[in-house]
């Protein structure tokens, strides 16, 4: 049974545009499933064809010349045709392949493709396909999607009610919190979400981690696999903290260049994100080091091999902060998400800029603080155009973290 994803309407809308549609993201996030679903929809009313570049016979022909595509689909003559291509990164030169088709066949041919990190890491992809494509990142499941995959339709409706009416006190608060605790530990990979047995969830995550190590590392040219994995583990233990490249290079006995290369691979394979500092030319605020977050809590926890219940963990604060980061990525572009930190240690976890001098700041706490923090007061005075909000896990019914953190939330 197909379960819809929140990204689907935006991708479907883009199918009507001339530019090619590229769905990317980490492995096993459901890119192929979404592509096949869209293909079936389009096929019901328009000429549509599906190809997988994992098929060696197809790939061999395609690599000779882009025109070989028409050995498998009709050449567009009159009516526009749609070609859905899975795993396009396996083409010898996917960038030139798409560029040639776009420039040659104009709006008579629409390509919708999935592409992994290897494809996305190609600098030529950005340069040569400017104005010819739009990229959609299919992330792991967010909490609402996770509830859907868990068949918790009633709780999903309750969560929507809480978000639309902040004053509403839900009788299902405990149930929702218990479900969130599971989500915070096991993360949002679709196969994991569909599994109910905790032991099977752990086994699936280990399988996903190993598949990542074997395929993504090989395809991105990582040579020192053990050092790479050690870096991955160190980063998992530092979730939400400042990332010190010099320290990592020293611990791992690697060059700074190699550490930077490995960090790039981890970002481009959609496993980590580096959040840069926010400042406005104030000397004491100039903190150059970014903060490290994981795109999925489940991947973070399997790297550490830590699956203790959320409430019994000594790192549940880091997991909750990582969840808030993941939630903000559904609402804002990565460049809009920053953190604020002064030279004397005052810090706010997330700062969102919506317009010049305007935005919102979020300080994330596992428990609701009993008094206002000095950092919040200093930030308010320095940036009066930004709202400041404390997001807590406990002691605030209905929990603020259930709220939608809308773009227009003022």
Protein backbone atom coordinates (compact mmCIF):
# COMPACT_ATOMS: atom_id res chain seq x y z
CA UNK A 1 0.00 0.00 0.00
CA UNK A 2 1.35 3.39 -0.98
CA UNK A 3 1.58 5.94 1.83
CA UNK A 4 1.80 9.57 0.60
CA UNK A 5 4.69 11.85 1.55
CA UNK A 6 4.44 15.55 2.31
CA UNK A 7 6.85 16.36 -0.52
CA UNK A 8 4.57 14.76 -3.10
CA UNK A 9 2.28 17.75 -3.92
CA UNK A 10 5.25 20.03 -4.64
CA UNK A 11 6.85 17.45 -6.92
CA UNK A 12 3.55 16.78 -8.68
CA UNK A 13 3.04 20.49 -9.30
CA UNK A 14 6.51 20.73 -10.83
CA UNK A 15 5.70 17.99 -13.34
CA UNK A 16 3.84 20.62 -15.35
CA UNK A 17 6.93 22.78 -15.71
CA UNK A 18 9.47 22.57 -18.51
CA UNK A 19 12.46 22.14 -16.20
CA UNK A 20 13.43 18.60 -15.35
CA UNK A 21 12.45 17.27 -11.93
CA UNK A 22 15.16 15.60 -9.83
CA UNK A 23 14.33 13.81 -6.56
CA UNK A 24 17.36 13.27 -4.37
CA UNK A 25 18.08 12.32 -0.78
CA UNK A 26 19.67 9.64 1.37
CA UNK A 27 19.35 6.02 0.41
CA UNK A 28 16.18 4.23 1.50
CA UNK A 29 14.09 7.37 2.03
CA UNK A 30 11.50 6.27 -0.55
CA UNK A 31 12.67 8.02 -3.73
CA UNK A 32 11.93 5.05 -6.00
CA UNK A 33 8.53 4.49 -4.37
CA UNK A 34 7.58 8.13 -4.96
CA UNK A 35 8.87 8.05 -8.54
CA UNK A 36 6.84 4.94 -9.39
CA UNK A 37 3.73 6.43 -7.81
CA UNK A 38 4.03 9.61 -9.89
CA UNK A 39 4.70 7.52 -13.00
CA UNK A 40 1.48 5.57 -12.50
CA UNK A 41 -0.48 8.79 -12.04
CA UNK A 42 0.90 10.41 -15.20
CA UNK A 43 0.61 7.21 -17.23
CA UNK A 44 -3.16 7.12 -16.67
CA UNK A 45 -3.64 10.17 -18.90
CA UNK A 46 -0.44 10.96 -20.80
CA UNK A 47 2.43 9.14 -22.55
CA UNK A 48 4.76 8.08 -19.74
CA UNK A 49 7.63 5.59 -19.53
CA UNK A 50 9.71 4.20 -16.66
CA UNK A 51 13.38 3.18 -16.78
CA UNK A 52 15.90 2.14 -14.16
CA UNK A 53 19.57 2.81 -14.77
CA UNK A 54 20.37 -0.11 -12.48
CA UNK A 55 19.48 -2.23 -15.53
CA UNK A 56 22.85 -2.94 -17.13
CA UNK A 57 21.42 -3.39 -20.63
CA UNK A 58 19.69 -0.01 -20.52
CA UNK A 59 22.73 1.69 -19.02
CA UNK A 60 25.11 0.31 -21.62
CA UNK A 61 23.05 1.79 -24.45
CA UNK A 62 22.52 5.11 -22.66
CA UNK A 63 26.25 5.55 -22.10
CA UNK A 64 26.91 5.45 -25.83
CA UNK A 65 24.91 8.60 -26.50
CA UNK A 66 21.82 10.32 -25.00
CA UNK A 67 19.90 9.54 -28.22
CA UNK A 68 20.03 5.85 -27.22
CA UNK A 69 17.25 6.68 -24.76
CA UNK A 70 14.87 6.32 -27.70
CA UNK A 71 15.70 2.66 -28.04
CA UNK A 72 13.49 2.25 -24.99
CA UNK A 73 10.92 5.05 -25.29
CA UNK A 74 9.32 6.75 -28.32
CA UNK A 75 11.07 9.78 -29.72
CA UNK A 76 8.91 12.86 -28.96
CA UNK A 77 7.31 14.02 -32.19
CA UNK A 78 4.03 15.73 -31.37
CA UNK A 79 2.57 15.06 -27.93
CA UNK A 80 4.82 15.66 -24.95
CA UNK A 81 6.18 12.49 -23.35
CA UNK A 82 7.27 11.91 -19.75
CA UNK A 83 10.27 9.73 -18.92
CA UNK A 84 10.74 8.62 -15.33
CA UNK A 85 14.32 7.51 -14.65
CA UNK A 86 15.40 5.81 -11.43
CA UNK A 87 19.04 5.98 -10.24
CA UNK A 88 20.19 8.37 -12.95
CA UNK A 89 23.57 8.80 -11.24
CA UNK A 90 24.68 5.46 -12.71
CA UNK A 91 24.93 7.03 -16.16
CA UNK A 92 28.53 7.68 -17.20
CA UNK A 93 27.80 11.39 -17.46
CA UNK A 94 24.30 12.14 -16.13
CA UNK A 95 24.84 15.89 -16.38
CA UNK A 96 25.57 15.83 -20.12
CA UNK A 97 22.79 13.29 -20.63
CA UNK A 98 20.15 15.60 -19.14
CA UNK A 99 21.58 18.75 -20.70
CA UNK A 100 21.54 17.23 -24.18
CA UNK A 101 17.94 16.05 -23.88
CA UNK A 102 16.73 19.34 -22.45
CA UNK A 103 18.42 21.47 -25.10
CA UNK A 104 17.51 19.16 -28.00
CA UNK A 105 13.90 18.31 -27.25
CA UNK A 106 12.78 21.43 -25.41
CA UNK A 107 9.29 21.08 -23.89
CA UNK A 108 8.44 17.94 -25.91
CA UNK A 109 10.26 15.79 -23.35
CA UNK A 110 9.95 15.92 -19.59
CA UNK A 111 12.40 13.93 -17.48
CA UNK A 112 11.62 13.08 -13.86
CA UNK A 113 14.54 11.35 -12.17
CA UNK A 114 15.89 10.14 -8.87
CA UNK A 115 19.56 10.77 -8.21
CA UNK A 116 21.78 9.90 -5.28
CA UNK A 117 24.49 11.94 -3.64
CA UNK A 118 27.09 10.92 -6.22
CA UNK A 119 25.08 12.70 -8.88
CA UNK A 120 24.47 15.70 -6.66
CA UNK A 121 28.15 16.04 -5.73
CA UNK A 122 29.17 16.58 -9.34
CA UNK A 123 29.98 20.28 -9.66
CA UNK A 124 29.06 20.13 -13.36
CA UNK A 125 25.54 19.22 -12.28
CA UNK A 126 25.12 22.64 -10.70
CA UNK A 127 26.79 24.58 -13.50
CA UNK A 128 25.59 22.90 -16.67
CA UNK A 129 22.01 22.32 -15.59
CA UNK A 130 21.31 25.80 -14.29
CA UNK A 131 17.76 26.71 -15.34
CA UNK A 132 17.16 23.19 -16.61
CA UNK A 133 16.26 21.36 -13.41
CA UNK A 134 14.83 21.66 -9.94
CA UNK A 135 15.99 19.50 -7.07
CA UNK A 136 13.64 18.11 -4.44
CA UNK A 137 15.17 16.46 -1.38
CA UNK A 138 13.13 13.58 -0.02
CA UNK A 139 14.09 13.43 3.65
CA UNK A 140 13.40 10.66 6.11
CA UNK A 141 9.95 10.81 7.68
CA UNK A 142 9.02 13.70 9.92
CA UNK A 143 6.87 13.02 12.99
CA UNK A 144 3.55 13.49 11.17
CA UNK A 145 4.60 11.14 8.38
CA UNK A 146 5.89 8.68 10.96
CA UNK A 147 2.47 8.61 12.63
CA UNK A 148 0.93 7.90 9.25
CA UNK A 149 3.34 5.01 8.62
CA UNK A 150 2.58 3.72 12.11
CA UNK A 151 -1.13 3.75 11.23
CA UNK A 152 -1.77 6.20 14.07
CA UNK A 153 -4.36 8.18 12.12
CA UNK A 154 -6.24 9.19 15.26
CA UNK A 155 -3.08 10.59 16.87
CA UNK A 156 -2.21 12.40 13.66
CA UNK A 157 -5.61 14.12 13.74
CA UNK A 158 -5.06 14.96 17.42
CA UNK A 159 -1.67 16.45 16.67
CA UNK A 160 -3.21 18.60 13.95
CA UNK A 161 -5.83 19.82 16.45
CA UNK A 162 -3.11 20.75 18.96
CA UNK A 163 -1.20 22.68 16.33
CA UNK A 164 -4.24 24.63 15.14
CA UNK A 165 -5.41 25.46 18.68
CA UNK A 166 -2.45 26.13 21.00
CA UNK A 167 -4.76 26.68 23.98
CA UNK A 168 -6.24 23.17 23.61
CA UNK A 169 -5.13 20.67 26.27
CA UNK A 170 -5.11 17.24 24.69
CA UNK A 171 -6.35 14.17 26.58
CA UNK A 172 -3.92 12.16 24.41
CA UNK A 173 -0.84 14.07 25.55
CA UNK A 174 0.75 10.96 27.14
CA UNK A 175 0.11 8.81 24.09
CA UNK A 176 1.57 11.37 21.71
CA UNK A 177 4.59 11.83 23.93
CA UNK A 178 5.19 8.07 24.06
CA UNK A 179 5.01 7.87 20.26
CA UNK A 180 7.40 10.79 19.93
CA UNK A 181 9.84 9.07 22.30
CA UNK A 182 9.94 6.10 19.92
CA UNK A 183 10.39 8.36 16.92
CA UNK A 184 13.24 10.25 18.62
CA UNK A 185 15.15 7.01 19.15
CA UNK A 186 14.50 5.10 15.93
CA UNK A 187 14.17 7.96 13.46
CA UNK A 188 12.23 8.23 10.24
CA UNK A 189 13.49 5.75 7.67
CA UNK A 190 10.29 4.36 6.10
CA UNK A 191 11.18 0.67 6.49
CA UNK A 192 11.97 1.24 10.16
CA UNK A 193 8.72 3.15 10.69
CA UNK A 194 6.68 0.30 9.24
CA UNK A 195 8.28 -2.19 11.65
CA UNK A 196 6.75 -2.50 15.12
CA UNK A 197 9.25 -4.79 16.82
CA UNK A 198 12.10 -2.79 18.47
CA UNK A 199 14.69 -5.52 17.80
CA UNK A 200 13.76 -5.58 14.12
CA UNK A 201 13.98 -1.80 13.99
CA UNK A 202 17.53 -1.97 15.33
CA UNK A 203 18.43 -4.68 12.83
CA UNK A 204 17.02 -2.62 9.94
CA UNK A 205 18.96 0.46 11.00
CA UNK A 206 22.18 -1.55 11.21
CA UNK A 207 21.47 -2.90 7.74
CA UNK A 208 20.90 0.63 6.42
CA UNK A 209 24.09 1.87 8.05
CA UNK A 210 26.12 -0.96 6.54
CA UNK A 211 24.58 -0.39 3.11
CA UNK A 212 25.55 3.27 3.38
CA UNK A 213 29.12 2.40 4.30
CA UNK A 214 29.49 -0.09 1.47
CA UNK A 215 27.88 1.93 -1.31
CA UNK A 216 28.07 5.64 -0.55
CA UNK A 217 31.64 5.47 0.73
CA UNK A 218 32.78 3.47 -2.29
CA UNK A 219 30.96 5.65 -4.81
CA UNK A 220 32.32 8.88 -3.31
CA UNK A 221 35.91 7.67 -3.36
CA UNK A 222 36.61 7.45 0.38
CA UNK A 223 39.82 5.48 0.84
CA UNK A 224 40.38 5.33 4.62
CA UNK A 225 37.12 3.63 5.49
CA UNK A 226 37.97 3.01 9.15
CA UNK A 227 38.94 6.65 9.75
CA UNK A 228 35.80 7.78 7.97
CA UNK A 229 33.65 5.63 10.22
CA UNK A 230 35.49 6.92 13.31
CA UNK A 231 34.72 10.47 12.19
CA UNK A 232 31.07 9.54 11.70
CA UNK A 233 30.96 8.17 15.26
CA UNK A 234 32.66 11.23 16.74
CA UNK A 235 30.16 13.51 15.02
CA UNK A 236 27.23 11.45 16.32
CA UNK A 237 28.51 11.92 19.87
CA UNK A 238 28.80 15.69 19.31
CA UNK A 239 25.29 16.32 17.95
CA UNK A 240 24.28 19.92 18.61
CA UNK A 241 27.81 20.98 19.53
CA UNK A 242 30.37 23.15 17.79
CA UNK A 243 32.41 21.31 15.19
CA UNK A 244 36.15 21.81 15.64
CA UNK A 245 37.93 20.62 12.51
CA UNK A 246 41.37 21.03 14.09
CA UNK A 247 40.39 18.82 17.01
CA UNK A 248 38.92 16.14 14.72
CA UNK A 249 42.04 16.11 12.54
CA UNK A 250 44.22 15.70 15.63
CA UNK A 251 42.13 12.89 17.15
CA UNK A 252 41.93 10.94 13.89
CA UNK A 253 45.48 11.70 12.72
CA UNK A 254 44.15 13.01 9.43
CA UNK A 255 45.01 16.09 7.43
CA UNK A 256 42.61 19.04 7.58
CA UNK A 257 41.99 18.54 3.87
CA UNK A 258 40.92 14.93 4.41
CA UNK A 259 38.63 15.86 7.31
CA UNK A 260 37.00 18.54 5.14
CA UNK A 261 36.59 16.03 2.32
CA UNK A 262 34.93 13.48 4.62
CA UNK A 263 32.63 16.12 6.09
CA UNK A 264 31.58 17.07 2.55
CA UNK A 265 30.82 13.43 1.75
CA UNK A 266 28.68 13.09 4.88
CA UNK A 267 26.77 16.24 3.98
CA UNK A 268 26.27 15.31 0.34
CA UNK A 269 25.08 11.83 1.27
CA UNK A 270 22.39 13.53 3.38
CA UNK A 271 23.47 12.22 6.77
CA UNK A 272 24.73 15.33 8.53
CA UNK A 273 24.21 19.08 8.31
CA UNK A 274 26.48 21.89 9.44
CA UNK A 275 24.64 24.96 10.75
CA UNK A 276 26.55 28.22 10.51
CA UNK A 277 26.54 31.02 13.09
CA UNK A 278 24.29 34.06 12.92
CA UNK A 279 25.75 37.50 13.52
CA UNK A 280 25.52 41.09 12.33
CA UNK A 281 29.09 42.36 12.27
CA UNK A 282 29.35 42.35 16.05
CA UNK A 283 32.90 41.36 16.97
CA UNK A 284 32.01 39.41 20.10
CA UNK A 285 29.54 37.30 18.11
CA UNK A 286 32.03 36.14 15.50
CA UNK A 287 32.08 32.38 15.98
CA UNK A 288 33.25 30.69 12.81
CA UNK A 289 32.78 27.07 13.84
CA UNK A 290 29.48 25.47 12.72
CA UNK A 291 27.27 23.18 14.77
CA UNK A 292 26.72 19.56 13.79
CA UNK A 293 23.29 17.93 13.36
CA UNK A 294 22.14 14.62 11.90
CA UNK A 295 19.44 14.42 9.24
CA UNK A 296 17.90 11.46 11.08
CA UNK A 297 18.02 10.45 14.74
CA UNK A 298 17.87 6.77 13.86
CA UNK A 299 21.06 6.93 11.80
CA UNK A 300 22.72 8.94 14.57
CA UNK A 301 21.76 6.36 17.19
CA UNK A 302 22.77 3.32 15.17
CA UNK A 303 26.21 4.81 14.58
CA UNK A 304 26.57 5.03 18.37
CA UNK A 305 24.71 1.72 18.85
CA UNK A 306 22.54 3.37 21.48
CA UNK A 307 18.85 2.49 21.53
CA UNK A 308 17.93 3.09 25.15
CA UNK A 309 14.43 4.50 25.76
CA UNK A 310 14.31 8.26 25.29
CA UNK A 311 13.58 9.15 28.93
CA UNK A 312 16.41 6.94 30.23
CA UNK A 313 19.15 8.48 28.09
CA UNK A 314 21.79 10.97 29.09
CA UNK A 315 21.72 12.38 25.55
CA UNK A 316 17.96 12.95 25.23
CA UNK A 317 18.54 16.70 25.21
CA UNK A 318 20.73 16.32 22.12
CA UNK A 319 18.13 14.08 20.47
CA UNK A 320 15.36 16.60 21.13
CA UNK A 321 17.45 19.48 19.78
CA UNK A 322 18.26 17.40 16.71
CA UNK A 323 14.53 16.80 16.22
CA UNK A 324 13.83 20.55 16.33
CA UNK A 325 16.55 21.10 13.72
CA UNK A 326 14.97 18.42 11.52
CA UNK A 327 11.56 20.06 11.97
CA UNK A 328 12.87 23.47 10.95
CA UNK A 329 14.33 22.01 7.75
CA UNK A 330 10.78 21.18 6.63
CA UNK A 331 9.85 24.85 6.92
CA UNK A 332 12.95 26.79 5.91
CA UNK A 333 15.87 26.64 3.51
CA UNK A 334 19.11 25.45 5.07
CA UNK A 335 20.69 28.88 4.65
CA UNK A 336 17.95 30.44 6.78
CA UNK A 337 18.74 28.24 9.77
CA UNK A 338 21.58 29.56 11.94
CA UNK A 339 22.62 29.61 15.60
CA UNK A 340 23.76 32.54 17.75
CA UNK A 341 26.73 32.43 20.07
CA UNK A 342 28.81 35.19 21.64
CA UNK A 343 32.46 35.10 22.62
CA UNK A 344 31.48 34.95 26.31
CA UNK A 345 29.32 31.84 25.79
CA UNK A 346 25.79 33.20 25.44
CA UNK A 347 23.94 31.07 22.91
CA UNK A 348 20.58 30.52 21.24
CA UNK A 349 20.13 27.24 19.40
CA UNK A 350 18.34 28.36 16.23
CA UNK A 351 17.85 31.72 14.54
CA UNK A 352 15.64 31.98 11.47
CA UNK A 353 15.88 35.05 9.24
CA UNK A 354 12.75 35.67 7.17
CA UNK A 355 13.60 39.17 5.94
CA UNK A 356 16.27 41.77 6.65
CA UNK A 357 16.30 42.35 10.39
CA UNK A 358 13.29 40.10 10.98
CA UNK A 359 12.86 36.50 12.03
CA UNK A 360 12.52 34.13 14.96
CA UNK A 361 14.88 32.63 17.51
CA UNK A 362 14.33 29.29 19.26
CA UNK A 363 16.07 28.13 22.41
CA UNK A 364 15.60 24.38 22.89
CA UNK A 365 15.33 22.93 26.39
CA UNK A 366 14.47 19.44 27.55
CA UNK A 367 12.78 20.97 30.60
CA UNK A 368 11.16 24.36 30.87
CA UNK A 369 13.58 26.78 32.57
CA UNK A 370 12.35 28.40 35.78
CA UNK A 371 13.77 31.79 34.94
CA UNK A 372 14.58 33.81 31.87
CA UNK A 373 18.08 33.32 30.62
CA UNK A 374 20.50 36.15 30.19
CA UNK A 375 21.22 35.05 26.61
CA UNK A 376 17.59 35.58 25.59
CA UNK A 377 17.53 39.08 27.03
CA UNK A 378 20.79 40.04 25.32
CA UNK A 379 19.55 38.71 21.99
CA UNK A 380 16.22 40.54 22.26
CA UNK A 381 17.97 43.84 22.82
CA UNK A 382 20.43 43.29 19.98
CA UNK A 383 17.78 42.05 17.50
CA UNK A 384 14.38 43.58 18.31
CA UNK A 385 12.96 42.42 14.96
CA UNK A 386 13.27 38.77 16.01
CA UNK A 387 10.77 36.96 18.21
CA UNK A 388 12.32 34.72 20.85
CA UNK A 389 10.71 31.45 21.90
CA UNK A 390 11.72 28.69 24.29
CA UNK A 391 10.87 25.23 22.99
CA UNK A 392 10.65 22.60 25.73
CA UNK A 393 9.93 18.90 25.91
CA UNK A 394 8.49 18.78 29.43
CA UNK A 395 6.46 20.95 31.80
CA UNK A 396 4.58 22.95 29.21
CA UNK A 397 1.15 21.49 28.35
CA UNK A 398 0.36 21.47 25.55
CA UNK A 399 4.04 21.00 24.69
CA UNK A 400 5.34 23.79 22.53
CA UNK A 401 7.33 21.32 20.47
CA UNK A 402 4.04 20.00 19.09
CA UNK A 403 3.39 23.41 17.57
CA UNK A 404 3.98 23.92 13.93
CA UNK A 405 6.72 26.59 14.16
CA UNK A 406 5.01 28.22 11.19
CA UNK A 407 6.88 30.61 8.92
CA UNK A 408 4.46 33.37 9.86
CA UNK A 409 4.51 32.58 13.59
CA UNK A 410 5.12 35.96 15.20
